[in-house]
N, C-alpha and C. Protein backbone atom coordinates (compact mmCIF):
# COMPACT_ATOMS: atom_id res chain seq x y z
N MET A 1 87.31 199.56 109.46
CA MET A 1 88.70 199.83 109.71
C MET A 1 88.80 201.13 110.51
N TRP A 2 89.64 201.12 111.51
CA TRP A 2 89.87 202.32 112.30
C TRP A 2 90.75 203.29 111.50
N LEU A 3 90.18 204.40 111.11
CA LEU A 3 90.87 205.35 110.25
C LEU A 3 92.02 206.07 110.94
N GLU A 4 91.99 206.11 112.26
CA GLU A 4 93.07 206.76 113.01
C GLU A 4 93.95 205.72 113.72
N GLY A 5 93.85 204.46 113.28
CA GLY A 5 94.63 203.39 113.89
C GLY A 5 96.04 203.32 113.35
N TYR A 6 96.96 202.86 114.16
CA TYR A 6 98.37 202.71 113.78
C TYR A 6 98.87 201.36 114.25
N ARG A 7 99.82 200.81 113.51
CA ARG A 7 100.40 199.52 113.86
C ARG A 7 101.90 199.57 113.67
N ASN A 8 102.59 198.82 114.51
CA ASN A 8 104.04 198.68 114.41
C ASN A 8 104.28 197.30 113.83
N LEU A 9 104.88 197.24 112.66
CA LEU A 9 105.09 195.96 111.99
C LEU A 9 106.57 195.63 111.94
N ILE A 10 106.90 194.38 112.25
CA ILE A 10 108.27 193.91 112.18
C ILE A 10 108.23 192.46 111.71
N ASP A 11 109.14 192.13 110.82
CA ASP A 11 109.24 190.78 110.29
C ASP A 11 109.66 189.82 111.41
N VAL A 12 109.03 188.68 111.49
CA VAL A 12 109.34 187.70 112.53
C VAL A 12 110.80 187.26 112.45
N GLU A 13 111.37 187.21 111.25
CA GLU A 13 112.78 186.84 111.12
C GLU A 13 113.68 187.93 111.71
N ASP A 14 113.26 189.18 111.62
CA ASP A 14 114.03 190.26 112.23
C ASP A 14 113.94 190.21 113.75
N VAL A 15 112.78 189.84 114.27
CA VAL A 15 112.65 189.66 115.72
C VAL A 15 113.62 188.59 116.19
N TYR A 16 113.67 187.49 115.46
CA TYR A 16 114.59 186.40 115.82
C TYR A 16 116.05 186.90 115.80
N LYS A 17 116.44 187.59 114.73
CA LYS A 17 117.83 188.07 114.61
C LYS A 17 118.19 188.98 115.79
N ILE A 18 117.30 189.90 116.12
CA ILE A 18 117.57 190.84 117.20
C ILE A 18 117.65 190.12 118.54
N CYS A 19 116.65 189.28 118.83
CA CYS A 19 116.63 188.57 120.11
C CYS A 19 117.81 187.61 120.23
N ASN A 20 118.13 186.92 119.15
CA ASN A 20 119.26 186.01 119.16
C ASN A 20 120.56 186.77 119.45
N TYR A 21 120.75 187.91 118.83
CA TYR A 21 121.94 188.72 119.07
C TYR A 21 122.01 189.17 120.53
N LEU A 22 120.89 189.65 121.06
CA LEU A 22 120.85 190.11 122.44
C LEU A 22 121.18 188.98 123.42
N MET A 23 120.62 187.81 123.18
CA MET A 23 120.87 186.68 124.08
C MET A 23 122.30 186.18 123.97
N LYS A 24 122.81 186.02 122.75
CA LYS A 24 124.18 185.53 122.57
C LYS A 24 125.21 186.47 123.18
N ASN A 25 124.90 187.75 123.21
CA ASN A 25 125.82 188.73 123.75
C ASN A 25 125.48 189.16 125.17
N SER A 26 124.57 188.43 125.80
CA SER A 26 124.16 188.68 127.19
C SER A 26 123.84 190.16 127.44
N ILE A 27 123.07 190.73 126.53
CA ILE A 27 122.69 192.14 126.64
C ILE A 27 121.36 192.24 127.38
N SER A 28 121.35 193.03 128.43
CA SER A 28 120.14 193.29 129.22
C SER A 28 119.50 192.01 129.74
N CYS A 29 120.34 191.14 130.28
CA CYS A 29 119.81 189.89 130.86
C CYS A 29 118.82 190.21 131.99
N CYS A 30 117.81 189.42 132.10
CA CYS A 30 116.81 189.52 133.18
C CYS A 30 116.04 190.84 133.13
N GLU A 31 115.90 191.41 131.97
CA GLU A 31 115.11 192.62 131.80
C GLU A 31 114.05 192.37 130.73
N THR A 32 112.96 193.09 130.83
CA THR A 32 111.96 193.05 129.78
C THR A 32 112.32 194.13 128.77
N LEU A 33 112.43 193.74 127.51
CA LEU A 33 112.82 194.67 126.45
C LEU A 33 111.75 194.72 125.37
N ASN A 34 111.55 195.88 124.81
CA ASN A 34 110.67 196.03 123.66
C ASN A 34 111.49 195.85 122.40
N VAL A 35 111.14 194.86 121.60
CA VAL A 35 111.75 194.67 120.30
C VAL A 35 110.68 194.99 119.27
N ALA A 36 110.87 196.10 118.57
CA ALA A 36 109.87 196.57 117.62
C ALA A 36 110.57 197.42 116.57
N SER A 37 109.84 197.71 115.53
CA SER A 37 110.33 198.61 114.50
C SER A 37 110.34 200.03 115.04
N PRO A 38 111.27 200.85 114.60
CA PRO A 38 111.23 202.26 115.01
C PRO A 38 110.13 203.04 114.29
N PHE A 39 109.43 202.38 113.35
CA PHE A 39 108.38 203.04 112.57
C PHE A 39 107.01 202.51 112.93
N THR A 40 106.06 203.40 113.02
CA THR A 40 104.66 203.02 113.21
C THR A 40 103.89 203.50 111.99
N TYR A 41 103.06 202.63 111.43
CA TYR A 41 102.35 202.91 110.19
C TYR A 41 100.86 203.06 110.44
N SER A 42 100.25 203.97 109.72
CA SER A 42 98.79 204.10 109.83
C SER A 42 98.14 202.89 109.16
N VAL A 43 97.03 202.46 109.72
CA VAL A 43 96.30 201.33 109.15
C VAL A 43 95.88 201.66 107.73
N VAL A 44 95.50 202.90 107.49
CA VAL A 44 95.10 203.33 106.15
C VAL A 44 96.24 203.14 105.15
N SER A 45 97.47 203.52 105.53
CA SER A 45 98.59 203.36 104.62
C SER A 45 98.95 201.88 104.41
N ILE A 46 98.81 201.07 105.44
CA ILE A 46 99.06 199.63 105.29
C ILE A 46 98.08 199.03 104.30
N VAL A 47 96.81 199.36 104.44
CA VAL A 47 95.79 198.85 103.52
C VAL A 47 96.06 199.34 102.10
N SER A 48 96.45 200.59 101.95
CA SER A 48 96.74 201.13 100.62
C SER A 48 97.89 200.38 99.95
N ILE A 49 98.93 200.10 100.70
CA ILE A 49 100.07 199.37 100.14
C ILE A 49 99.67 197.93 99.81
N LEU A 50 98.86 197.31 100.66
CA LEU A 50 98.38 195.96 100.37
C LEU A 50 97.52 195.94 99.10
N GLU A 51 96.72 196.97 98.89
CA GLU A 51 95.92 197.06 97.68
C GLU A 51 96.81 197.03 96.44
N ILE A 52 97.93 197.73 96.52
CA ILE A 52 98.86 197.77 95.38
C ILE A 52 99.47 196.39 95.15
N TYR A 53 99.97 195.76 96.22
CA TYR A 53 100.61 194.46 96.09
C TYR A 53 99.66 193.36 95.63
N LEU A 54 98.43 193.42 96.11
CA LEU A 54 97.45 192.40 95.76
C LEU A 54 96.65 192.74 94.52
N ASN A 55 96.80 193.98 94.05
CA ASN A 55 96.07 194.47 92.88
C ASN A 55 94.55 194.29 93.07
N LYS A 56 94.11 194.61 94.29
CA LYS A 56 92.70 194.51 94.64
C LYS A 56 92.33 195.72 95.48
N LYS A 57 91.13 196.19 95.32
CA LYS A 57 90.62 197.30 96.11
C LYS A 57 90.02 196.75 97.40
N ALA A 58 90.45 197.29 98.52
CA ALA A 58 89.91 196.86 99.81
C ALA A 58 88.47 197.34 99.97
N ILE A 59 87.69 196.50 100.57
CA ILE A 59 86.30 196.86 100.89
C ILE A 59 86.23 196.94 102.41
N PHE A 60 85.94 198.13 102.91
CA PHE A 60 85.89 198.32 104.35
C PHE A 60 84.96 199.47 104.71
N VAL A 61 84.58 199.48 105.95
CA VAL A 61 83.82 200.59 106.52
C VAL A 61 84.77 201.32 107.45
N GLY A 62 84.99 202.59 107.16
CA GLY A 62 85.89 203.38 107.99
C GLY A 62 85.20 203.88 109.25
N VAL A 63 85.90 203.78 110.35
CA VAL A 63 85.39 204.24 111.64
C VAL A 63 86.40 205.26 112.18
N ASP A 64 85.92 206.40 112.59
CA ASP A 64 86.80 207.46 113.09
C ASP A 64 87.25 207.15 114.51
N ARG A 65 88.12 206.15 114.63
CA ARG A 65 88.65 205.73 115.93
C ARG A 65 90.12 205.40 115.79
N GLY A 66 90.77 205.19 116.91
CA GLY A 66 92.17 204.82 116.94
C GLY A 66 93.04 205.97 117.38
N LYS A 67 94.31 205.68 117.59
CA LYS A 67 95.25 206.72 117.96
C LYS A 67 96.67 206.24 117.71
N MET A 68 97.59 207.16 117.68
CA MET A 68 99.01 206.86 117.51
C MET A 68 99.57 206.44 118.86
N TYR A 69 100.42 205.46 118.86
CA TYR A 69 101.08 205.03 120.09
C TYR A 69 102.55 204.81 119.77
N GLY A 70 103.35 204.90 120.76
CA GLY A 70 104.77 204.69 120.58
C GLY A 70 105.25 203.48 121.36
N ILE A 71 106.31 202.87 120.88
CA ILE A 71 106.94 201.77 121.58
C ILE A 71 108.38 202.19 121.83
N ASP A 72 108.77 202.21 123.08
CA ASP A 72 110.12 202.64 123.44
C ASP A 72 111.11 201.52 123.15
N VAL A 73 111.91 201.72 122.10
CA VAL A 73 112.92 200.73 121.73
C VAL A 73 114.33 201.26 121.98
N SER A 74 114.42 202.32 122.77
CA SER A 74 115.72 202.97 122.99
C SER A 74 116.75 202.06 123.63
N SER A 75 116.32 201.07 124.42
CA SER A 75 117.28 200.20 125.09
C SER A 75 117.88 199.15 124.15
N VAL A 76 117.27 198.92 122.99
CA VAL A 76 117.79 197.90 122.07
C VAL A 76 118.10 198.40 120.67
N SER A 77 117.60 199.56 120.31
CA SER A 77 117.74 200.00 118.92
C SER A 77 119.19 200.15 118.46
N SER A 78 120.09 200.41 119.38
CA SER A 78 121.50 200.55 119.00
C SER A 78 122.11 199.20 118.59
N TYR A 79 121.42 198.10 118.87
CA TYR A 79 121.91 196.77 118.51
C TYR A 79 121.29 196.23 117.21
N TYR A 80 120.35 196.95 116.64
CA TYR A 80 119.65 196.46 115.46
C TYR A 80 120.62 196.16 114.31
N GLU A 81 121.45 197.12 113.95
CA GLU A 81 122.37 196.90 112.83
C GLU A 81 123.38 195.80 113.14
N SER A 82 123.85 195.74 114.38
CA SER A 82 124.80 194.68 114.77
C SER A 82 124.18 193.30 114.62
N SER A 83 122.86 193.22 114.75
CA SER A 83 122.18 191.94 114.62
C SER A 83 121.81 191.64 113.16
N GLY A 84 122.12 192.58 112.26
CA GLY A 84 121.83 192.37 110.84
C GLY A 84 120.47 192.84 110.42
N VAL A 85 119.84 193.68 111.22
CA VAL A 85 118.51 194.20 110.90
C VAL A 85 118.63 195.70 110.61
N TYR A 86 118.08 196.10 109.48
CA TYR A 86 118.16 197.50 109.06
C TYR A 86 116.76 198.02 108.78
N PHE A 87 116.39 199.05 109.51
CA PHE A 87 115.10 199.69 109.31
C PHE A 87 115.33 200.97 108.52
N ASP A 88 114.57 201.13 107.45
CA ASP A 88 114.63 202.37 106.69
C ASP A 88 113.22 202.71 106.22
N LYS A 89 113.10 203.76 105.44
CA LYS A 89 111.77 204.22 105.03
C LYS A 89 111.04 203.21 104.15
N ASN A 90 111.76 202.22 103.60
CA ASN A 90 111.15 201.21 102.75
C ASN A 90 110.90 199.88 103.47
N TYR A 91 111.05 199.87 104.77
CA TYR A 91 110.96 198.62 105.52
C TYR A 91 109.63 197.90 105.28
N LEU A 92 108.53 198.60 105.39
CA LEU A 92 107.22 197.97 105.20
C LEU A 92 107.10 197.38 103.79
N GLU A 93 107.49 198.13 102.79
CA GLU A 93 107.42 197.64 101.42
C GLU A 93 108.32 196.43 101.23
N ASP A 94 109.49 196.44 101.86
CA ASP A 94 110.42 195.30 101.76
C ASP A 94 109.82 194.04 102.36
N ILE A 95 109.14 194.18 103.51
CA ILE A 95 108.48 193.03 104.12
C ILE A 95 107.40 192.48 103.18
N LEU A 96 106.61 193.38 102.61
CA LEU A 96 105.53 192.94 101.73
C LEU A 96 106.09 192.26 100.48
N LYS A 97 107.16 192.80 99.92
CA LYS A 97 107.79 192.15 98.76
C LYS A 97 108.21 190.74 99.11
N LYS A 98 108.79 190.59 100.28
CA LYS A 98 109.26 189.28 100.74
C LYS A 98 108.14 188.26 100.81
N TYR A 99 107.01 188.65 101.39
CA TYR A 99 105.93 187.69 101.64
C TYR A 99 104.90 187.61 100.53
N PHE A 100 104.84 188.61 99.67
CA PHE A 100 103.84 188.60 98.62
C PHE A 100 104.43 188.45 97.22
N SER A 101 105.73 188.22 97.11
CA SER A 101 106.36 188.16 95.78
C SER A 101 105.83 187.00 94.93
N ASP A 102 105.43 185.91 95.57
CA ASP A 102 104.93 184.76 94.82
C ASP A 102 103.51 184.94 94.31
N CYS A 103 102.75 185.82 94.93
CA CYS A 103 101.34 185.92 94.55
C CYS A 103 101.04 187.15 93.69
N CYS A 104 101.99 188.04 93.55
CA CYS A 104 101.68 189.31 92.87
C CYS A 104 102.61 189.56 91.70
């Protein structure tokens, strides 16, 4: 696992809600837009949270590689709430609860 790696996670249903809203309201037609979460998570923190939800210890070899990257969502982020999508500090945990509630 890349110890300095980061990932931007967004629920596929939230992508649909945002894109559907943008298309129905003819927002930024004929432009390429980044639809992503405003939060980027370290791979280490994602694995740690998954360990809690799955009640299992991850087995991995850490590699000192990776870097933080940003995704510019400034052109669409003002439409997130209008589309019914809310990002907050618990977004990652909320996604995991949604998809792992049956197994944990």
